[in-house]
């Protein structure tokens, strides 16, 4: 999922197709997730590809906490950091994650964040993780687009994407991962670059281009 913080379903008018269409809605997403969990059980991997905290008024009013609560309650397996998570700076993002994850959390992943200038964010965000599904160890690493539209400073979003991705593939394999997923908020063009240049990735779950 890449829900852009749209917690409640709404109607928008699309002039190109001259009709209304529906966007968002955590209730709708929850219904789908429950059906999938009932069908696939422990074999279901549910991942979010970023931009949780930018969207409808309800998300902005709670600084994204409504989204973290939703994901926690429905058992999200992992999320990456989108560019819009930094709209209000890393301090606000850190506050949201601190408030939302007081009772535990899903892994929040981004391998290309240099958090040296804001080290407390590293309490919540890690480069990668391994989750066991039955007999299979699934390694997942996150990637965040180096977007001029976001406001990450003093966090630095690294631009050496292929090098970072390859280093995480090697680390995950050395730690016993059988399958490796790149959980990306890079957009399809950069996803294609990663796919063409980084061996060892089995799946890329992409966001940013919606």
C-alpha atoms as a PDB file:
ATOM      1  CA  UNK A   1       0.000   0.000   0.000  1.00  0.00           C
ATOM      2  CA  UNK A   2       0.989   3.655  -0.548  1.00  0.00           C
ATOM      3  CA  UNK A   3      -2.018   5.374   0.983  1.00  0.00           C
ATOM      4  CA  UNK A   4      -0.787   8.993   1.085  1.00  0.00           C
ATOM      5  CA  UNK A   5      -2.367   9.445   4.477  1.00  0.00           C
ATOM      6  CA  UNK A   6      -5.919   9.305   3.120  1.00  0.00           C
ATOM      7  CA  UNK A   7      -7.679   7.695   6.052  1.00  0.00           C
ATOM      8  CA  UNK A   8     -11.297   8.306   5.049  1.00  0.00           C
ATOM      9  CA  UNK A   9     -12.771   7.592   1.661  1.00  0.00           C
ATOM     10  CA  UNK A  10     -13.599  10.658  -0.415  1.00  0.00           C
ATOM     11  CA  UNK A  11     -14.740  11.526  -3.912  1.00  0.00           C
ATOM     12  CA  UNK A  12     -12.637  13.471  -6.389  1.00  0.00           C
ATOM     13  CA  UNK A  13     -13.553  14.712  -9.826  1.00  0.00           C
ATOM     14  CA  UNK A  14     -11.238  13.724 -12.666  1.00  0.00           C
ATOM     15  CA  UNK A  15     -11.685  16.168 -15.569  1.00  0.00           C
ATOM     16  CA  UNK A  16      -9.780  13.921 -17.970  1.00  0.00           C
ATOM     17  CA  UNK A  17     -12.341  11.136 -17.690  1.00  0.00           C
ATOM     18  CA  UNK A  18     -15.215  13.458 -16.756  1.00  0.00           C
ATOM     19  CA  UNK A  19     -16.404  11.506 -13.744  1.00  0.00           C
ATOM     20  CA  UNK A  20     -15.947  11.131 -10.028  1.00  0.00           C
ATOM     21  CA  UNK A  21     -13.761   8.457  -8.536  1.00  0.00           C
ATOM     22  CA  UNK A  22     -13.121   7.286  -4.982  1.00  0.00           C
ATOM     23  CA  UNK A  23      -9.803   7.598  -3.182  1.00  0.00           C
ATOM     24  CA  UNK A  24      -8.574   6.411   0.182  1.00  0.00           C
ATOM     25  CA  UNK A  25     -10.404   4.749   2.980  1.00  0.00           C
ATOM     26  CA  UNK A  26      -8.797   2.731   5.763  1.00  0.00           C
ATOM     27  CA  UNK A  27     -12.107   0.919   6.295  1.00  0.00           C
ATOM     28  CA  UNK A  28     -11.980  -0.428   2.733  1.00  0.00           C
ATOM     29  CA  UNK A  29      -8.320  -1.373   3.079  1.00  0.00           C
ATOM     30  CA  UNK A  30      -9.031  -3.107   6.397  1.00  0.00           C
ATOM     31  CA  UNK A  31     -11.751  -5.214   4.767  1.00  0.00           C
ATOM     32  CA  UNK A  32      -9.368  -6.349   2.028  1.00  0.00           C
ATOM     33  CA  UNK A  33      -6.597  -7.145   4.515  1.00  0.00           C
ATOM     34  CA  UNK A  34      -8.945  -9.194   6.704  1.00  0.00           C
ATOM     35  CA  UNK A  35     -10.138 -11.195   3.696  1.00  0.00           C
ATOM     36  CA  UNK A  36      -6.560 -11.818   2.571  1.00  0.00           C
ATOM     37  CA  UNK A  37      -5.482 -12.856   6.076  1.00  0.00           C
ATOM     38  CA  UNK A  38      -8.407 -15.258   6.276  1.00  0.00           C
ATOM     39  CA  UNK A  39      -7.420 -16.745   2.903  1.00  0.00           C
ATOM     40  CA  UNK A  40      -3.634 -16.842   3.278  1.00  0.00           C
ATOM     41  CA  UNK A  41      -3.105 -16.795   7.036  1.00  0.00           C
ATOM     42  CA  UNK A  42       0.543 -16.718   8.048  1.00  0.00           C
ATOM     43  CA  UNK A  43       1.598 -16.830   4.380  1.00  0.00           C
ATOM     44  CA  UNK A  44       0.450 -13.229   3.826  1.00  0.00           C
ATOM     45  CA  UNK A  45       3.076 -10.484   3.795  1.00  0.00           C
ATOM     46  CA  UNK A  46       1.580  -7.002   4.027  1.00  0.00           C
ATOM     47  CA  UNK A  47       3.961  -4.111   3.368  1.00  0.00           C
ATOM     48  CA  UNK A  48       3.527  -0.351   3.087  1.00  0.00           C
ATOM     49  CA  UNK A  49       5.672   1.622   0.659  1.00  0.00           C
ATOM     50  CA  UNK A  50       5.645   5.006   2.388  1.00  0.00           C
ATOM     51  CA  UNK A  51       3.943   8.421   2.404  1.00  0.00           C
ATOM     52  CA  UNK A  52       1.729   7.585   5.354  1.00  0.00           C
ATOM     53  CA  UNK A  53       1.607  11.080   6.842  1.00  0.00           C
ATOM     54  CA  UNK A  54       0.552  13.329   3.969  1.00  0.00           C
ATOM     55  CA  UNK A  55      -3.016  13.417   2.750  1.00  0.00           C
ATOM     56  CA  UNK A  56      -6.393  14.115   4.286  1.00  0.00           C
ATOM     57  CA  UNK A  57      -7.123  16.504   7.140  1.00  0.00           C
ATOM     58  CA  UNK A  58      -7.533  13.650   9.593  1.00  0.00           C
ATOM     59  CA  UNK A  59      -3.952  12.549   9.021  1.00  0.00           C
ATOM     60  CA  UNK A  60      -2.569  16.057   9.365  1.00  0.00           C
ATOM     61  CA  UNK A  61      -4.639  16.681  12.499  1.00  0.00           C
ATOM     62  CA  UNK A  62      -3.102  13.642  14.215  1.00  0.00           C
ATOM     63  CA  UNK A  63       0.359  14.059  12.594  1.00  0.00           C
ATOM     64  CA  UNK A  64      -0.068  10.584  11.129  1.00  0.00           C
ATOM     65  CA  UNK A  65      -0.806   8.746  14.375  1.00  0.00           C
ATOM     66  CA  UNK A  66      -4.145   7.548  12.991  1.00  0.00           C
ATOM     67  CA  UNK A  67      -2.204   5.653  10.319  1.00  0.00           C
ATOM     68  CA  UNK A  68       0.323   4.044  12.664  1.00  0.00           C
ATOM     69  CA  UNK A  69      -2.506   2.900  14.952  1.00  0.00           C
ATOM     70  CA  UNK A  70      -4.349   1.394  11.987  1.00  0.00           C
ATOM     71  CA  UNK A  71      -1.292  -0.462  10.714  1.00  0.00           C
ATOM     72  CA  UNK A  72      -0.437  -1.735  14.190  1.00  0.00           C
ATOM     73  CA  UNK A  73      -3.937  -3.033  14.835  1.00  0.00           C
ATOM     74  CA  UNK A  74      -4.090  -4.927  11.528  1.00  0.00           C
ATOM     75  CA  UNK A  75      -0.619  -6.430  11.724  1.00  0.00           C
ATOM     76  CA  UNK A  76       1.441  -4.652   9.070  1.00  0.00           C
ATOM     77  CA  UNK A  77       4.687  -6.546   8.463  1.00  0.00           C
ATOM     78  CA  UNK A  78       6.812  -3.546   7.493  1.00  0.00           C
ATOM     79  CA  UNK A  79       6.880  -0.024   6.093  1.00  0.00           C
ATOM     80  CA  UNK A  80       9.398   2.225   4.400  1.00  0.00           C
ATOM     81  CA  UNK A  81       9.885   5.967   4.775  1.00  0.00           C
ATOM     82  CA  UNK A  82       8.385   8.144   2.040  1.00  0.00           C
ATOM     83  CA  UNK A  83       9.490  11.654   1.160  1.00  0.00           C
ATOM     84  CA  UNK A  84       6.341  13.119   2.716  1.00  0.00           C
ATOM     85  CA  UNK A  85       7.220  11.651   6.102  1.00  0.00           C
ATOM     86  CA  UNK A  86       9.748  14.508   6.248  1.00  0.00           C
ATOM     87  CA  UNK A  87       7.318  17.295   5.298  1.00  0.00           C
ATOM     88  CA  UNK A  88       7.462  18.719   8.828  1.00  0.00           C
ATOM     89  CA  UNK A  89      11.052  17.681   9.458  1.00  0.00           C
ATOM     90  CA  UNK A  90      12.588  14.657  11.187  1.00  0.00           C
ATOM     91  CA  UNK A  91      11.655  15.913  14.659  1.00  0.00           C
ATOM     92  CA  UNK A  92       7.921  15.678  13.883  1.00  0.00           C
ATOM     93  CA  UNK A  93       8.410  12.271  12.268  1.00  0.00           C
ATOM     94  CA  UNK A  94      10.235  11.098  15.370  1.00  0.00           C
ATOM     95  CA  UNK A  95       7.416  12.402  17.586  1.00  0.00           C
ATOM     96  CA  UNK A  96       4.809  10.546  15.500  1.00  0.00           C
ATOM     97  CA  UNK A  97       6.713   7.280  15.635  1.00  0.00           C
ATOM     98  CA  UNK A  98       7.351   7.673  19.362  1.00  0.00           C
ATOM     99  CA  UNK A  99       3.661   8.290  20.069  1.00  0.00           C
ATOM    100  CA  UNK A 100       2.407   5.630  17.682  1.00  0.00           C
ATOM    101  CA  UNK A 101       4.736   2.855  18.774  1.00  0.00           C
ATOM    102  CA  UNK A 102       4.527   3.001  22.559  1.00  0.00           C
ATOM    103  CA  UNK A 103       3.105  -0.527  22.617  1.00  0.00           C
ATOM    104  CA  UNK A 104       5.349  -2.029  19.950  1.00  0.00           C
ATOM    105  CA  UNK A 105       5.454  -1.603  16.208  1.00  0.00           C
ATOM    106  CA  UNK A 106       5.995  -3.017  12.773  1.00  0.00           C
ATOM    107  CA  UNK A 107       9.508  -2.522  11.319  1.00  0.00           C
ATOM    108  CA  UNK A 108      10.056   0.903   9.747  1.00  0.00           C
ATOM    109  CA  UNK A 109      12.789   0.569   7.138  1.00  0.00           C
ATOM    110  CA  UNK A 110      15.042   2.831   5.109  1.00  0.00           C
ATOM    111  CA  UNK A 111      18.577   1.835   4.214  1.00  0.00           C
ATOM    112  CA  UNK A 112      19.638   5.090   2.557  1.00  0.00           C
ATOM    113  CA  UNK A 113      19.007   7.479   5.445  1.00  0.00           C
ATOM    114  CA  UNK A 114      22.080   8.938   7.134  1.00  0.00           C
ATOM    115  CA  UNK A 115      20.683   9.772  10.577  1.00  0.00           C
ATOM    116  CA  UNK A 116      23.991  10.921  12.079  1.00  0.00           C
ATOM    117  CA  UNK A 117      22.641  14.450  12.441  1.00  0.00           C
ATOM    118  CA  UNK A 118      19.418  13.252  14.110  1.00  0.00           C
ATOM    119  CA  UNK A 119      20.373   9.970  15.825  1.00  0.00           C
ATOM    120  CA  UNK A 120      17.183   9.573  17.874  1.00  0.00           C
ATOM    121  CA  UNK A 121      15.285   8.700  14.697  1.00  0.00           C
ATOM    122  CA  UNK A 122      17.376   5.529  14.482  1.00  0.00           C
ATOM    123  CA  UNK A 123      15.455   4.264  17.528  1.00  0.00           C
ATOM    124  CA  UNK A 124      12.505   3.748  15.166  1.00  0.00           C
ATOM    125  CA  UNK A 125      13.980   3.394  11.664  1.00  0.00           C
ATOM    126  CA  UNK A 126      16.318   0.573  10.673  1.00  0.00           C
ATOM    127  CA  UNK A 127      17.884  -0.304   7.305  1.00  0.00           C
ATOM    128  CA  UNK A 128      16.518  -3.840   7.028  1.00  0.00           C
ATOM    129  CA  UNK A 129      14.940  -6.750   8.823  1.00  0.00           C
ATOM    130  CA  UNK A 130      14.338 -10.481   8.461  1.00  0.00           C
ATOM    131  CA  UNK A 131      10.865 -11.897   9.110  1.00  0.00           C
ATOM    132  CA  UNK A 132      10.244 -15.629   9.331  1.00  0.00           C
ATOM    133  CA  UNK A 133       7.258 -16.982   7.413  1.00  0.00           C
ATOM    134  CA  UNK A 134       7.019 -20.706   8.074  1.00  0.00           C
ATOM    135  CA  UNK A 135      10.358 -22.138   6.971  1.00  0.00           C
ATOM    136  CA  UNK A 136      11.268 -19.119   4.850  1.00  0.00           C
ATOM    137  CA  UNK A 137      13.369 -16.190   6.084  1.00  0.00           C
ATOM    138  CA  UNK A 138      12.219 -13.075   4.215  1.00  0.00           C
ATOM    139  CA  UNK A 139      14.732 -10.238   4.195  1.00  0.00           C
ATOM    140  CA  UNK A 140      13.332  -6.762   3.599  1.00  0.00           C
ATOM    141  CA  UNK A 141      15.208  -3.480   3.176  1.00  0.00           C
ATOM    142  CA  UNK A 142      13.700  -0.039   2.637  1.00  0.00           C
ATOM    143  CA  UNK A 143      14.649   2.796   0.270  1.00  0.00           C
ATOM    144  CA  UNK A 144      13.581   6.462   0.281  1.00  0.00           C
ATOM    145  CA  UNK A 145      13.669   8.772  -2.732  1.00  0.00           C
ATOM    146  CA  UNK A 146      16.188  11.636  -2.442  1.00  0.00           C
ATOM    147  CA  UNK A 147      13.472  14.184  -3.148  1.00  0.00           C
ATOM    148  CA  UNK A 148      14.028  17.961  -3.127  1.00  0.00           C
ATOM    149  CA  UNK A 149      10.374  18.274  -2.111  1.00  0.00           C
ATOM    150  CA  UNK A 150      10.950  16.793   1.347  1.00  0.00           C
ATOM    151  CA  UNK A 151      12.468  18.403   4.420  1.00  0.00           C
ATOM    152  CA  UNK A 152      14.789  15.798   5.973  1.00  0.00           C
ATOM    153  CA  UNK A 153      17.633  17.997   7.294  1.00  0.00           C
ATOM    154  CA  UNK A 154      19.693  17.210   9.353  1.00  0.00           C
ATOM    155  CA  UNK A 155      18.911  13.679   8.139  1.00  0.00           C
ATOM    156  CA  UNK A 156      20.580  13.056   4.779  1.00  0.00           C
ATOM    157  CA  UNK A 157      18.877  10.899   2.144  1.00  0.00           C
ATOM    158  CA  UNK A 158      21.751   9.158   0.373  1.00  0.00           C
ATOM    159  CA  UNK A 159      21.742   9.126  -3.430  1.00  0.00           C
ATOM    160  CA  UNK A 160      24.116   6.169  -4.002  1.00  0.00           C
ATOM    161  CA  UNK A 161      21.088   3.912  -4.277  1.00  0.00           C
ATOM    162  CA  UNK A 162      22.540   0.893  -6.063  1.00  0.00           C
ATOM    163  CA  UNK A 163      25.498   0.717  -3.683  1.00  0.00           C
ATOM    164  CA  UNK A 164      23.246   0.944  -0.624  1.00  0.00           C
ATOM    165  CA  UNK A 165      20.848  -1.651  -2.031  1.00  0.00           C
ATOM    166  CA  UNK A 166      23.627  -4.112  -2.840  1.00  0.00           C
ATOM    167  CA  UNK A 167      25.190  -3.746   0.610  1.00  0.00           C
ATOM    168  CA  UNK A 168      21.826  -4.579   2.193  1.00  0.00           C
ATOM    169  CA  UNK A 169      21.313  -7.595  -0.073  1.00  0.00           C
ATOM    170  CA  UNK A 170      24.699  -8.954   1.010  1.00  0.00           C
ATOM    171  CA  UNK A 171      23.978  -8.258   4.682  1.00  0.00           C
ATOM    172  CA  UNK A 172      20.576  -9.942   4.543  1.00  0.00           C
ATOM    173  CA  UNK A 173      21.960 -13.000   2.734  1.00  0.00           C
ATOM    174  CA  UNK A 174      24.791 -13.285   5.253  1.00  0.00           C
ATOM    175  CA  UNK A 175      22.166 -13.190   8.011  1.00  0.00           C
ATOM    176  CA  UNK A 176      20.221 -16.084   6.494  1.00  0.00           C
ATOM    177  CA  UNK A 177      17.584 -14.486   4.244  1.00  0.00           C
ATOM    178  CA  UNK A 178      16.132 -16.915   1.698  1.00  0.00           C
ATOM    179  CA  UNK A 179      14.101 -14.285  -0.158  1.00  0.00           C
ATOM    180  CA  UNK A 180      14.913 -10.584  -0.429  1.00  0.00           C
ATOM    181  CA  UNK A 181      12.405  -7.764  -0.920  1.00  0.00           C
ATOM    182  CA  UNK A 182      13.288  -4.162  -1.694  1.00  0.00           C
ATOM    183  CA  UNK A 183      10.509  -2.102  -0.106  1.00  0.00           C
ATOM    184  CA  UNK A 184      10.895   1.028  -2.167  1.00  0.00           C
ATOM    185  CA  UNK A 185       9.665   4.581  -2.086  1.00  0.00           C
ATOM    186  CA  UNK A 186      11.803   5.545  -5.075  1.00  0.00           C
ATOM    187  CA  UNK A 187       9.353   5.587  -7.960  1.00  0.00           C
ATOM    188  CA  UNK A 188       9.293   3.260 -10.943  1.00  0.00           C
ATOM    189  CA  UNK A 189      12.258   4.767 -12.829  1.00  0.00           C
ATOM    190  CA  UNK A 190      14.642   4.316  -9.901  1.00  0.00           C
ATOM    191  CA  UNK A 191      13.099   0.915  -9.130  1.00  0.00           C
ATOM    192  CA  UNK A 192      14.034  -0.119 -12.670  1.00  0.00           C
ATOM    193  CA  UNK A 193      17.574   1.157 -12.074  1.00  0.00           C
ATOM    194  CA  UNK A 194      17.862  -0.944  -8.920  1.00  0.00           C
ATOM    195  CA  UNK A 195      16.449  -4.008 -10.689  1.00  0.00           C
ATOM    196  CA  UNK A 196      18.938  -3.677 -13.543  1.00  0.00           C
ATOM    197  CA  UNK A 197      22.014  -3.100 -11.413  1.00  0.00           C
ATOM    198  CA  UNK A 198      21.580  -4.944  -8.122  1.00  0.00           C
ATOM    199  CA  UNK A 199      21.624  -8.761  -8.181  1.00  0.00           C
ATOM    200  CA  UNK A 200      19.971 -10.855  -5.511  1.00  0.00           C
ATOM    201  CA  UNK A 201      16.653  -9.011  -5.120  1.00  0.00           C
ATOM    202  CA  UNK A 202      13.616 -11.251  -5.595  1.00  0.00           C
ATOM    203  CA  UNK A 203      10.879  -8.621  -5.396  1.00  0.00           C
ATOM    204  CA  UNK A 204      10.611  -4.838  -5.494  1.00  0.00           C
ATOM    205  CA  UNK A 205       7.498  -3.464  -3.800  1.00  0.00           C
ATOM    206  CA  UNK A 206       7.339   0.098  -5.080  1.00  0.00           C
ATOM    207  CA  UNK A 207       5.658   3.309  -4.015  1.00  0.00           C
ATOM    208  CA  UNK A 208       5.867   7.034  -4.798  1.00  0.00           C
ATOM    209  CA  UNK A 209       4.356   6.714  -8.296  1.00  0.00           C
ATOM    210  CA  UNK A 210       1.063   5.430  -6.840  1.00  0.00           C
END
